[in-house]
Amino acid sequence: MSDVNSLDALIQALRRLPGVGVKSASRMAFHLLQHDRPGALALSRALQVAADSVHHCERCHTFTQALVCATCLDARRDASQLCVVETPADQSALERTGAYKGLYFVLMGKISPLDGIGPKDIGLKGLFDRACDGIVQEVILATNFTAEGEATAHVISEGLKAKGLRLTRLARGVPVGSELEYVDLGTIAHALVDRR
């Protein structure tokens, strides 16, 4: 009976991953146990080490093993620019473009009144303190273009308006390589309004 409970516990643990349902979790569990036990052990150890050693950067709130992350410590970065993102995954996506050379602040969430998440729950005080450090000149709002992301960007901009900082928002528009007839109307409308 304990063998079945261990397997069920593994499947339930795998279901915690985003987008993983019962079938996918079961396939993963059976694959690891049947075909890749060394991989299962490596995954287990990596998760344990990461859970024990990865925490938030004291300056930007992203994930790091040090007190301050490598991005914040990089003297080549433009400290006058602070890009606000919702998650470390969003930060990683911006970094992969190679187009941004400033610093970041990672909210680790977004304002979502329906889920009971307000400004205090995503650490806006830390963001405001960082943005008003006398070095930052521009705050780039790079929250997602969802209702929650827009609400978060609005609250941040309202909170920082009187601080004399330049506030900008990521542009939105038609994706590169797309054909207009297949782009959703909201994207086309925003592209027209934000044209340059």
N, C-alpha and C. Protein backbone atom coordinates (compact mmCIF):
# COMPACT_ATOMS: atom_id res chain seq x y z
N MET A 1 0.82 -1.21 0.00
CA MET A 1 0.00 0.00 0.00
C MET A 1 0.85 1.26 0.00
N SER A 2 2.02 1.23 0.69
CA SER A 2 2.87 2.42 0.73
C SER A 2 3.46 2.72 -0.63
N ASP A 3 3.69 1.68 -1.50
CA ASP A 3 4.21 1.90 -2.84
C ASP A 3 3.22 2.73 -3.65
N VAL A 4 1.93 2.40 -3.56
CA VAL A 4 0.90 3.13 -4.30
C VAL A 4 0.83 4.56 -3.79
N ASN A 5 0.92 4.76 -2.48
CA ASN A 5 0.86 6.11 -1.92
C ASN A 5 2.05 6.95 -2.38
N SER A 6 3.24 6.34 -2.48
CA SER A 6 4.42 7.06 -2.95
C SER A 6 4.25 7.49 -4.40
N LEU A 7 3.71 6.62 -5.23
CA LEU A 7 3.47 6.95 -6.63
C LEU A 7 2.42 8.05 -6.75
N ASP A 8 1.34 7.92 -5.99
CA ASP A 8 0.31 8.96 -6.00
C ASP A 8 0.87 10.30 -5.53
N ALA A 9 1.73 10.25 -4.51
CA ALA A 9 2.33 11.49 -4.00
C ALA A 9 3.21 12.13 -5.07
N LEU A 10 3.96 11.31 -5.84
CA LEU A 10 4.79 11.84 -6.92
C LEU A 10 3.93 12.49 -8.00
N ILE A 11 2.86 11.82 -8.37
CA ILE A 11 1.95 12.37 -9.40
C ILE A 11 1.34 13.68 -8.92
N GLN A 12 0.91 13.72 -7.68
CA GLN A 12 0.32 14.95 -7.14
C GLN A 12 1.36 16.08 -7.08
N ALA A 13 2.60 15.73 -6.75
CA ALA A 13 3.66 16.74 -6.71
C ALA A 13 3.93 17.30 -8.11
N LEU A 14 3.96 16.43 -9.11
CA LEU A 14 4.18 16.88 -10.48
C LEU A 14 3.02 17.73 -11.00
N ARG A 15 1.83 17.49 -10.51
CA ARG A 15 0.66 18.28 -10.92
C ARG A 15 0.75 19.73 -10.45
N ARG A 16 1.63 20.03 -9.50
CA ARG A 16 1.80 21.40 -9.03
C ARG A 16 2.43 22.29 -10.10
N LEU A 17 3.09 21.68 -11.08
CA LEU A 17 3.71 22.45 -12.15
C LEU A 17 2.63 23.07 -13.04
N PRO A 18 2.86 24.29 -13.54
CA PRO A 18 1.85 24.93 -14.38
C PRO A 18 1.61 24.15 -15.66
N GLY A 19 0.34 23.98 -16.00
CA GLY A 19 -0.03 23.31 -17.23
C GLY A 19 0.06 21.79 -17.19
N VAL A 20 0.35 21.23 -16.03
CA VAL A 20 0.48 19.77 -15.92
C VAL A 20 -0.76 19.22 -15.23
N GLY A 21 -1.50 18.41 -15.97
CA GLY A 21 -2.69 17.76 -15.43
C GLY A 21 -2.36 16.35 -14.98
N VAL A 22 -3.39 15.59 -14.64
CA VAL A 22 -3.21 14.23 -14.13
C VAL A 22 -2.51 13.34 -15.16
N LYS A 23 -2.93 13.41 -16.42
CA LYS A 23 -2.34 12.54 -17.44
C LYS A 23 -0.86 12.85 -17.66
N SER A 24 -0.54 14.13 -17.79
CA SER A 24 0.87 14.50 -18.00
C SER A 24 1.71 14.13 -16.79
N ALA A 25 1.20 14.39 -15.59
CA ALA A 25 1.94 14.06 -14.38
C ALA A 25 2.16 12.55 -14.28
N SER A 26 1.15 11.78 -14.63
CA SER A 26 1.28 10.32 -14.60
C SER A 26 2.33 9.85 -15.60
N ARG A 27 2.30 10.41 -16.81
CA ARG A 27 3.29 10.04 -17.83
C ARG A 27 4.70 10.35 -17.35
N MET A 28 4.88 11.52 -16.76
CA MET A 28 6.20 11.90 -16.25
C MET A 28 6.66 10.95 -15.16
N ALA A 29 5.78 10.68 -14.22
CA ALA A 29 6.13 9.80 -13.10
C ALA A 29 6.48 8.41 -13.60
N PHE A 30 5.65 7.85 -14.47
CA PHE A 30 5.93 6.50 -14.98
C PHE A 30 7.23 6.49 -15.79
N HIS A 31 7.46 7.52 -16.58
CA HIS A 31 8.70 7.57 -17.37
C HIS A 31 9.92 7.59 -16.45
N LEU A 32 9.90 8.48 -15.46
CA LEU A 32 11.05 8.58 -14.56
C LEU A 32 11.30 7.28 -13.82
N LEU A 33 10.25 6.65 -13.33
CA LEU A 33 10.43 5.43 -12.56
C LEU A 33 10.76 4.22 -13.43
N GLN A 34 10.23 4.19 -14.64
CA GLN A 34 10.43 3.02 -15.50
C GLN A 34 11.70 3.14 -16.34
N HIS A 35 12.00 4.34 -16.86
CA HIS A 35 13.07 4.48 -17.83
C HIS A 35 14.26 5.33 -17.37
N ASP A 36 14.10 6.13 -16.32
CA ASP A 36 15.17 7.07 -15.98
C ASP A 36 15.27 7.30 -14.47
N ARG A 37 15.53 6.25 -13.75
CA ARG A 37 15.68 6.41 -12.29
C ARG A 37 16.83 7.35 -11.93
N PRO A 38 17.98 7.29 -12.65
CA PRO A 38 19.03 8.28 -12.34
C PRO A 38 18.55 9.71 -12.58
N GLY A 39 17.75 9.92 -13.63
CA GLY A 39 17.18 11.24 -13.90
C GLY A 39 16.23 11.67 -12.80
N ALA A 40 15.46 10.72 -12.28
CA ALA A 40 14.53 11.03 -11.18
C ALA A 40 15.30 11.47 -9.95
N LEU A 41 16.39 10.77 -9.65
CA LEU A 41 17.21 11.13 -8.48
C LEU A 41 17.89 12.48 -8.70
N ALA A 42 18.39 12.72 -9.92
CA ALA A 42 19.02 14.01 -10.22
C ALA A 42 18.02 15.15 -10.09
N LEU A 43 16.80 14.93 -10.59
CA LEU A 43 15.74 15.93 -10.47
C LEU A 43 15.42 16.20 -9.00
N SER A 44 15.32 15.15 -8.23
CA SER A 44 15.03 15.28 -6.81
C SER A 44 16.11 16.09 -6.09
N ARG A 45 17.38 15.76 -6.37
CA ARG A 45 18.49 16.48 -5.72
C ARG A 45 18.51 17.95 -6.16
N ALA A 46 18.31 18.20 -7.47
CA ALA A 46 18.34 19.57 -7.98
C ALA A 46 17.23 20.41 -7.35
N LEU A 47 16.05 19.83 -7.21
CA LEU A 47 14.94 20.55 -6.57
C LEU A 47 15.26 20.85 -5.10
N GLN A 48 15.84 19.88 -4.42
CA GLN A 48 16.17 20.07 -2.99
C GLN A 48 17.22 21.17 -2.83
N VAL A 49 18.27 21.13 -3.65
CA VAL A 49 19.33 22.14 -3.58
C VAL A 49 18.77 23.52 -3.90
N ALA A 50 17.98 23.60 -4.96
CA ALA A 50 17.41 24.90 -5.34
C ALA A 50 16.48 25.43 -4.25
N ALA A 51 15.64 24.57 -3.70
CA ALA A 51 14.71 25.01 -2.65
C ALA A 51 15.47 25.49 -1.42
N ASP A 52 16.61 24.90 -1.14
CA ASP A 52 17.40 25.28 0.03
C ASP A 52 18.28 26.50 -0.20
N SER A 53 18.74 26.73 -1.43
CA SER A 53 19.76 27.75 -1.64
C SER A 53 19.32 28.97 -2.46
N VAL A 54 18.23 28.88 -3.19
CA VAL A 54 17.80 30.02 -4.01
C VAL A 54 16.83 30.89 -3.20
N HIS A 55 17.10 32.18 -3.20
CA HIS A 55 16.23 33.13 -2.49
C HIS A 55 16.15 34.42 -3.30
N HIS A 56 15.61 35.47 -2.73
CA HIS A 56 15.41 36.73 -3.45
C HIS A 56 16.62 37.64 -3.31
N CYS A 57 16.99 38.28 -4.43
CA CYS A 57 18.03 39.31 -4.42
C CYS A 57 17.57 40.46 -3.54
N GLU A 58 18.48 40.98 -2.73
CA GLU A 58 18.13 42.09 -1.83
C GLU A 58 17.79 43.37 -2.57
N ARG A 59 18.27 43.53 -3.81
CA ARG A 59 18.05 44.77 -4.54
C ARG A 59 16.88 44.68 -5.51
N CYS A 60 16.82 43.59 -6.30
CA CYS A 60 15.81 43.55 -7.36
C CYS A 60 14.73 42.51 -7.13
N HIS A 61 14.93 41.62 -6.16
CA HIS A 61 13.91 40.65 -5.77
C HIS A 61 13.82 39.42 -6.67
N THR A 62 14.74 39.29 -7.65
CA THR A 62 14.73 38.11 -8.50
C THR A 62 15.33 36.93 -7.73
N PHE A 63 15.41 35.78 -8.36
CA PHE A 63 16.00 34.62 -7.71
C PHE A 63 17.52 34.65 -7.85
N THR A 64 18.21 34.29 -6.79
CA THR A 64 19.67 34.22 -6.78
C THR A 64 20.12 33.36 -5.62
N GLN A 65 21.37 32.92 -5.68
CA GLN A 65 21.95 32.19 -4.55
C GLN A 65 22.76 33.13 -3.67
N ALA A 66 23.12 34.30 -4.20
CA ALA A 66 23.89 35.29 -3.44
C ALA A 66 22.93 36.30 -2.82
N LEU A 67 23.46 37.17 -1.97
CA LEU A 67 22.62 38.22 -1.39
C LEU A 67 22.12 39.18 -2.47
N VAL A 68 23.01 39.50 -3.43
CA VAL A 68 22.67 40.38 -4.54
C VAL A 68 23.00 39.62 -5.82
N CYS A 69 22.09 39.65 -6.78
CA CYS A 69 22.26 38.88 -8.02
C CYS A 69 23.35 39.47 -8.92
N ALA A 70 23.80 38.67 -9.88
CA ALA A 70 24.85 39.08 -10.80
C ALA A 70 24.44 40.29 -11.64
N THR A 71 23.17 40.38 -12.01
CA THR A 71 22.71 41.51 -12.82
C THR A 71 22.85 42.81 -12.04
N CYS A 72 22.42 42.81 -10.79
CA CYS A 72 22.53 44.02 -9.97
C CYS A 72 23.98 44.41 -9.71
N LEU A 73 24.88 43.44 -9.66
CA LEU A 73 26.29 43.71 -9.39
C LEU A 73 27.08 44.09 -10.63
N ASP A 74 26.49 43.94 -11.81
CA ASP A 74 27.18 44.20 -13.07
C ASP A 74 27.35 45.70 -13.27
N ALA A 75 28.58 46.19 -13.18
CA ALA A 75 28.86 47.63 -13.31
C ALA A 75 28.60 48.15 -14.71
N ARG A 76 28.50 47.26 -15.70
CA ARG A 76 28.23 47.68 -17.07
C ARG A 76 26.76 48.01 -17.30
N ARG A 77 25.88 47.64 -16.37
CA ARG A 77 24.46 47.91 -16.53
C ARG A 77 24.18 49.39 -16.27
N ASP A 78 23.14 49.93 -16.92
CA ASP A 78 22.74 51.32 -16.75
C ASP A 78 21.85 51.43 -15.51
N ALA A 79 22.41 51.91 -14.42
CA ALA A 79 21.69 51.99 -13.15
C ALA A 79 20.62 53.08 -13.15
N SER A 80 20.58 53.92 -14.19
CA SER A 80 19.56 54.97 -14.25
C SER A 80 18.23 54.44 -14.79
N GLN A 81 18.25 53.21 -15.34
CA GLN A 81 17.03 52.60 -15.86
C GLN A 81 16.63 51.42 -14.98
N LEU A 82 15.36 51.38 -14.62
CA LEU A 82 14.84 50.29 -13.79
C LEU A 82 13.61 49.72 -14.49
N CYS A 83 13.70 48.48 -14.92
CA CYS A 83 12.61 47.82 -15.63
C CYS A 83 11.83 46.95 -14.63
N VAL A 84 10.55 47.18 -14.52
CA VAL A 84 9.70 46.46 -13.58
C VAL A 84 8.98 45.33 -14.31
N VAL A 85 9.20 44.10 -13.84
CA VAL A 85 8.57 42.92 -14.42
C VAL A 85 7.82 42.17 -13.34
N GLU A 86 6.93 41.28 -13.76
CA GLU A 86 6.14 40.51 -12.80
C GLU A 86 6.89 39.32 -12.22
N THR A 87 7.67 38.63 -13.04
CA THR A 87 8.30 37.38 -12.60
C THR A 87 9.74 37.27 -13.10
N PRO A 88 10.53 36.39 -12.48
CA PRO A 88 11.88 36.12 -13.00
C PRO A 88 11.84 35.59 -14.44
N ALA A 89 10.78 34.88 -14.82
CA ALA A 89 10.66 34.39 -16.19
C ALA A 89 10.52 35.57 -17.16
N ASP A 90 9.80 36.61 -16.77
CA ASP A 90 9.67 37.81 -17.61
C ASP A 90 11.04 38.50 -17.73
N GLN A 91 11.77 38.58 -16.64
CA GLN A 91 13.11 39.16 -16.66
C GLN A 91 14.01 38.37 -17.60
N SER A 92 13.95 37.06 -17.51
CA SER A 92 14.76 36.20 -18.37
C SER A 92 14.43 36.42 -19.85
N ALA A 93 13.15 36.57 -20.15
CA ALA A 93 12.75 36.81 -21.54
C ALA A 93 13.32 38.12 -22.06
N LEU A 94 13.28 39.18 -21.25
CA LEU A 94 13.86 40.46 -21.66
C LEU A 94 15.37 40.35 -21.83
N GLU A 95 16.02 39.63 -20.94
CA GLU A 95 17.47 39.47 -21.03
C GLU A 95 17.87 38.73 -22.30
N ARG A 96 17.08 37.74 -22.70
CA ARG A 96 17.41 36.97 -23.91
C ARG A 96 17.37 37.83 -25.17
N THR A 97 16.65 38.95 -25.15
CA THR A 97 16.62 39.81 -26.33
C THR A 97 17.95 40.52 -26.53
N GLY A 98 18.68 40.74 -25.45
CA GLY A 98 19.94 41.48 -25.53
C GLY A 98 19.75 42.97 -25.77
N ALA A 99 18.51 43.44 -25.75
CA ALA A 99 18.21 44.84 -26.09
C ALA A 99 18.20 45.76 -24.88
N TYR A 100 18.10 45.22 -23.68
CA TYR A 100 17.99 46.06 -22.47
C TYR A 100 19.25 45.92 -21.63
N LYS A 101 19.84 47.04 -21.25
CA LYS A 101 21.09 47.03 -20.49
C LYS A 101 20.96 47.72 -19.13
N GLY A 102 19.73 47.95 -18.68
CA GLY A 102 19.53 48.57 -17.38
C GLY A 102 19.36 47.51 -16.29
N LEU A 103 18.78 47.92 -15.17
CA LEU A 103 18.55 47.03 -14.04
C LEU A 103 17.06 46.69 -13.96
N TYR A 104 16.73 45.79 -13.05
CA TYR A 104 15.36 45.27 -12.92
C TYR A 104 14.84 45.40 -11.50
N PHE A 105 13.51 45.34 -11.41
CA PHE A 105 12.84 45.04 -10.15
C PHE A 105 11.75 44.02 -10.47
N VAL A 106 11.80 42.88 -9.78
CA VAL A 106 10.87 41.78 -10.04
C VAL A 106 9.81 41.78 -8.94
N LEU A 107 8.55 41.99 -9.33
CA LEU A 107 7.46 42.10 -8.36
C LEU A 107 7.09 40.77 -7.72
N MET A 108 7.34 39.67 -8.41
CA MET A 108 6.92 38.34 -7.96
C MET A 108 5.40 38.24 -7.88
N GLY A 109 4.74 38.91 -8.81
CA GLY A 109 3.29 38.83 -8.86
C GLY A 109 2.70 40.05 -9.54
N LYS A 110 1.40 40.15 -9.42
CA LYS A 110 0.66 41.28 -9.99
C LYS A 110 -0.56 41.54 -9.14
N ILE A 111 -1.07 42.74 -9.20
CA ILE A 111 -2.27 43.09 -8.45
C ILE A 111 -3.45 42.35 -9.07
N SER A 112 -4.20 41.65 -8.23
CA SER A 112 -5.36 40.89 -8.70
C SER A 112 -6.41 40.88 -7.59
N PRO A 113 -7.26 41.91 -7.57
CA PRO A 113 -8.27 42.00 -6.51
C PRO A 113 -9.16 40.75 -6.40
N LEU A 114 -9.46 40.12 -7.54
CA LEU A 114 -10.31 38.92 -7.49
C LEU A 114 -9.64 37.77 -6.74
N ASP A 115 -8.30 37.77 -6.75
CA ASP A 115 -7.55 36.74 -6.03
C ASP A 115 -7.09 37.22 -4.66
N GLY A 116 -7.51 38.43 -4.28
CA GLY A 116 -7.14 38.98 -2.98
C GLY A 116 -5.70 39.48 -2.92
N ILE A 117 -5.11 39.81 -4.07
CA ILE A 117 -3.72 40.28 -4.11
C ILE A 117 -3.73 41.78 -4.37
N GLY A 118 -3.27 42.54 -3.38
CA GLY A 118 -3.23 43.99 -3.50
C GLY A 118 -1.80 44.49 -3.60
N PRO A 119 -1.61 45.81 -3.63
CA PRO A 119 -0.27 46.41 -3.77
C PRO A 119 0.71 45.96 -2.69
N LYS A 120 0.26 45.80 -1.46
CA LYS A 120 1.17 45.38 -0.38
C LYS A 120 1.65 43.94 -0.56
N ASP A 121 0.84 43.13 -1.25
CA ASP A 121 1.17 41.71 -1.41
C ASP A 121 2.27 41.47 -2.44
N ILE A 122 2.55 42.46 -3.31
CA ILE A 122 3.58 42.26 -4.32
C ILE A 122 4.80 43.16 -4.07
N GLY A 123 4.91 43.72 -2.89
CA GLY A 123 6.12 44.45 -2.51
C GLY A 123 6.35 45.76 -3.21
N LEU A 124 5.29 46.53 -3.42
CA LEU A 124 5.46 47.82 -4.09
C LEU A 124 6.30 48.80 -3.28
N LYS A 125 6.29 48.67 -1.96
CA LYS A 125 7.11 49.58 -1.14
C LYS A 125 8.59 49.41 -1.50
N GLY A 126 9.03 48.16 -1.67
CA GLY A 126 10.42 47.91 -2.07
C GLY A 126 10.73 48.51 -3.42
N LEU A 127 9.79 48.41 -4.34
CA LEU A 127 9.97 49.01 -5.67
C LEU A 127 10.08 50.53 -5.55
N PHE A 128 9.17 51.15 -4.79
CA PHE A 128 9.18 52.60 -4.67
C PHE A 128 10.48 53.08 -4.01
N ASP A 129 10.94 52.35 -3.00
CA ASP A 129 12.21 52.71 -2.35
C ASP A 129 13.36 52.63 -3.35
N ARG A 130 13.38 51.57 -4.13
CA ARG A 130 14.45 51.38 -5.11
C ARG A 130 14.38 52.44 -6.20
N ALA A 131 13.19 52.73 -6.69
CA ALA A 131 13.03 53.71 -7.77
C ALA A 131 13.41 55.12 -7.32
N CYS A 132 13.28 55.39 -6.04
CA CYS A 132 13.55 56.73 -5.52
C CYS A 132 14.91 56.82 -4.83
N ASP A 133 15.85 55.99 -5.26
CA ASP A 133 17.17 55.95 -4.61
C ASP A 133 18.10 57.08 -5.05
N GLY A 134 17.63 57.95 -5.96
CA GLY A 134 18.45 59.05 -6.43
C GLY A 134 19.30 58.70 -7.64
N ILE A 135 19.38 57.43 -7.98
CA ILE A 135 20.15 56.99 -9.15
C ILE A 135 19.22 56.73 -10.33
N VAL A 136 18.08 56.11 -10.04
CA VAL A 136 17.13 55.76 -11.10
C VAL A 136 16.50 57.02 -11.67
N GLN A 137 16.52 57.13 -13.01
CA GLN A 137 15.92 58.26 -13.70
C GLN A 137 14.67 57.85 -14.48
N GLU A 138 14.64 56.59 -14.93
CA GLU A 138 13.52 56.10 -15.74
C GLU A 138 13.05 54.75 -15.19
N VAL A 139 11.75 54.63 -15.02
CA VAL A 139 11.14 53.35 -14.64
C VAL A 139 10.36 52.85 -15.84
N ILE A 140 10.75 51.67 -16.32
CA ILE A 140 10.10 51.06 -17.48
C ILE A 140 9.11 50.02 -16.96
N LEU A 141 7.84 50.23 -17.22
CA LEU A 141 6.81 49.30 -16.76
C LEU A 141 6.66 48.19 -17.80
N ALA A 142 7.11 47.01 -17.44
CA ALA A 142 7.08 45.87 -18.36
C ALA A 142 6.20 44.76 -17.79
N THR A 143 5.11 45.15 -17.14
CA THR A 143 4.15 44.16 -16.68
C THR A 143 3.40 43.63 -17.90
N ASN A 144 2.77 42.49 -17.74
CA ASN A 144 2.08 41.86 -18.86
C ASN A 144 0.86 42.69 -19.28
N PHE A 145 0.43 42.47 -20.52
CA PHE A 145 -0.72 43.21 -21.06
C PHE A 145 -2.02 42.45 -20.79
N THR A 146 -2.21 42.11 -19.52
CA THR A 146 -3.45 41.50 -19.05
C THR A 146 -4.15 42.55 -18.19
N ALA A 147 -5.38 42.27 -17.80
CA ALA A 147 -6.09 43.22 -16.93
C ALA A 147 -5.30 43.45 -15.64
N GLU A 148 -4.76 42.37 -15.07
CA GLU A 148 -3.99 42.49 -13.82
C GLU A 148 -2.68 43.24 -14.04
N GLY A 149 -2.01 42.95 -15.16
CA GLY A 149 -0.76 43.64 -15.47
C GLY A 149 -0.97 45.11 -15.71
N GLU A 150 -2.06 45.45 -16.39
CA GLU A 150 -2.39 46.86 -16.63
C GLU A 150 -2.72 47.57 -15.31
N ALA A 151 -3.47 46.89 -14.44
CA ALA A 151 -3.80 47.48 -13.13
C ALA A 151 -2.53 47.70 -12.32
N THR A 152 -1.62 46.74 -12.37
CA THR A 152 -0.35 46.86 -11.65
C THR A 152 0.46 48.03 -12.18
N ALA A 153 0.56 48.15 -13.51
CA ALA A 153 1.29 49.26 -14.12
C ALA A 153 0.66 50.60 -13.73
N HIS A 154 -0.67 50.66 -13.69
CA HIS A 154 -1.36 51.89 -13.33
C HIS A 154 -1.06 52.31 -11.89
N VAL A 155 -1.12 51.35 -10.97
CA VAL A 155 -0.85 51.66 -9.56
C VAL A 155 0.59 52.13 -9.39
N ILE A 156 1.53 51.48 -10.07
CA ILE A 156 2.93 51.88 -9.98
C ILE A 156 3.11 53.29 -10.54
N SER A 157 2.53 53.56 -11.71
CA SER A 157 2.71 54.88 -12.31
C SER A 157 2.09 55.97 -11.44
N GLU A 158 0.94 55.68 -10.85
CA GLU A 158 0.31 56.67 -9.95
C GLU A 158 1.18 56.91 -8.72
N GLY A 159 1.79 55.85 -8.21
CA GLY A 159 2.64 55.99 -7.02
C GLY A 159 3.95 56.71 -7.28
N LEU A 160 4.43 56.66 -8.52
CA LEU A 160 5.73 57.26 -8.84
C LEU A 160 5.62 58.59 -9.59
N LYS A 161 4.41 58.98 -9.99
CA LYS A 161 4.22 60.21 -10.79
C LYS A 161 4.86 61.44 -10.17
N ALA A 162 4.68 61.62 -8.88
CA ALA A 162 5.14 62.83 -8.21
C ALA A 162 6.62 62.79 -7.85
N LYS A 163 7.32 61.73 -8.19
CA LYS A 163 8.72 61.57 -7.76
C LYS A 163 9.72 62.14 -8.77
N GLY A 164 9.24 62.69 -9.88
CA GLY A 164 10.14 63.29 -10.86
C GLY A 164 10.86 62.28 -11.74
N LEU A 165 10.37 61.06 -11.77
CA LEU A 165 10.98 60.02 -12.60
C LEU A 165 10.28 59.95 -13.95
N ARG A 166 11.02 59.56 -14.96
CA ARG A 166 10.42 59.32 -16.27
C ARG A 166 9.79 57.94 -16.23
N LEU A 167 8.51 57.85 -16.53
CA LEU A 167 7.80 56.57 -16.54
C LEU A 167 7.46 56.20 -17.97
N THR A 168 7.86 55.00 -18.37
CA THR A 168 7.53 54.52 -19.71
C THR A 168 6.91 53.14 -19.59
N ARG A 169 6.22 52.74 -20.65
CA ARG A 169 5.55 51.43 -20.69
C ARG A 169 6.03 50.72 -21.94
N LEU A 170 6.23 49.42 -21.86
CA LEU A 170 6.58 48.67 -23.05
C LEU A 170 5.56 48.95 -24.14
N ALA A 171 6.05 49.11 -25.36
CA ALA A 171 5.13 49.30 -26.49
C ALA A 171 4.46 47.97 -26.80
N ARG A 172 3.29 48.04 -27.35
CA ARG A 172 2.62 46.82 -27.80
C ARG A 172 2.20 47.04 -29.23
N GLY A 173 2.20 45.98 -29.98
CA GLY A 173 1.84 46.14 -31.37
C GLY A 173 1.82 44.83 -32.11
N VAL A 174 1.86 44.93 -33.41
CA VAL A 174 1.75 43.77 -34.28
C VAL A 174 3.07 42.99 -34.22
N PRO A 175 3.01 41.67 -33.97
CA PRO A 175 4.23 40.87 -33.89
C PRO A 175 4.97 40.85 -35.23
N VAL A 176 6.28 40.80 -35.17
CA VAL A 176 7.10 40.72 -36.37
C VAL A 176 6.75 39.45 -37.13
N GLY A 177 6.58 39.56 -38.43
CA GLY A 177 6.30 38.40 -39.27
C GLY A 177 4.83 38.02 -39.35
N SER A 178 3.97 38.81 -38.72
CA SER A 178 2.54 38.44 -38.75
C SER A 178 1.81 39.18 -39.87
N GLU A 179 0.67 38.65 -40.22
CA GLU A 179 -0.18 39.27 -41.23
C GLU A 179 -1.37 39.89 -40.51
N LEU A 180 -1.71 41.13 -40.87
CA LEU A 180 -2.74 41.88 -40.16
C LEU A 180 -4.07 41.14 -40.05
N GLU A 181 -4.46 40.43 -41.10
CA GLU A 181 -5.77 39.78 -41.05
C GLU A 181 -5.87 38.72 -39.97
N TYR A 182 -4.72 38.24 -39.48
CA TYR A 182 -4.72 37.19 -38.45
C TYR A 182 -4.42 37.72 -37.04
N VAL A 183 -4.13 39.02 -36.93
CA VAL A 183 -3.82 39.61 -35.63
C VAL A 183 -5.13 40.03 -34.96
N ASP A 184 -5.22 39.81 -33.64
CA ASP A 184 -6.47 40.18 -32.95
C ASP A 184 -6.67 41.69 -32.99
N LEU A 185 -7.93 42.10 -32.94
CA LEU A 185 -8.30 43.50 -33.12
C LEU A 185 -7.74 44.40 -32.03
N GLY A 186 -7.67 43.89 -30.80
CA GLY A 186 -7.12 44.69 -29.70
C GLY A 186 -5.66 45.05 -29.95
N THR A 187 -4.89 44.10 -30.47
CA THR A 187 -3.47 44.35 -30.77
C THR A 187 -3.34 45.38 -31.87
N ILE A 188 -4.17 45.27 -32.90
CA ILE A 188 -4.12 46.23 -34.00
C ILE A 188 -4.50 47.63 -33.50
N ALA A 189 -5.52 47.71 -32.66
CA ALA A 189 -5.95 49.01 -32.12
C ALA A 189 -4.82 49.65 -31.31
N HIS A 190 -4.17 48.87 -30.44
CA HIS A 190 -3.07 49.42 -29.64
C HIS A 190 -1.90 49.81 -30.52
N ALA A 191 -1.63 49.04 -31.58
CA ALA A 191 -0.54 49.37 -32.49
C ALA A 191 -0.80 50.71 -33.18
N LEU A 192 -2.05 50.96 -33.53
CA LEU A 192 -2.40 52.23 -34.17
C LEU A 192 -2.23 53.39 -33.18
N VAL A 193 -2.71 53.21 -31.96
CA VAL A 193 -2.61 54.28 -30.96
C VAL A 193 -1.16 54.56 -30.60
N ASP A 194 -0.35 53.50 -30.48
CA ASP A 194 1.05 53.64 -30.05
C ASP A 194 2.02 53.78 -31.22
N ARG A 195 1.53 54.07 -32.41
CA ARG A 195 2.41 54.15 -33.58
C ARG A 195 3.43 55.25 -33.41
N ARG A 196 4.56 55.09 -34.09
CA ARG A 196 5.60 56.13 -34.04
C ARG A 196 6.18 56.35 -35.42
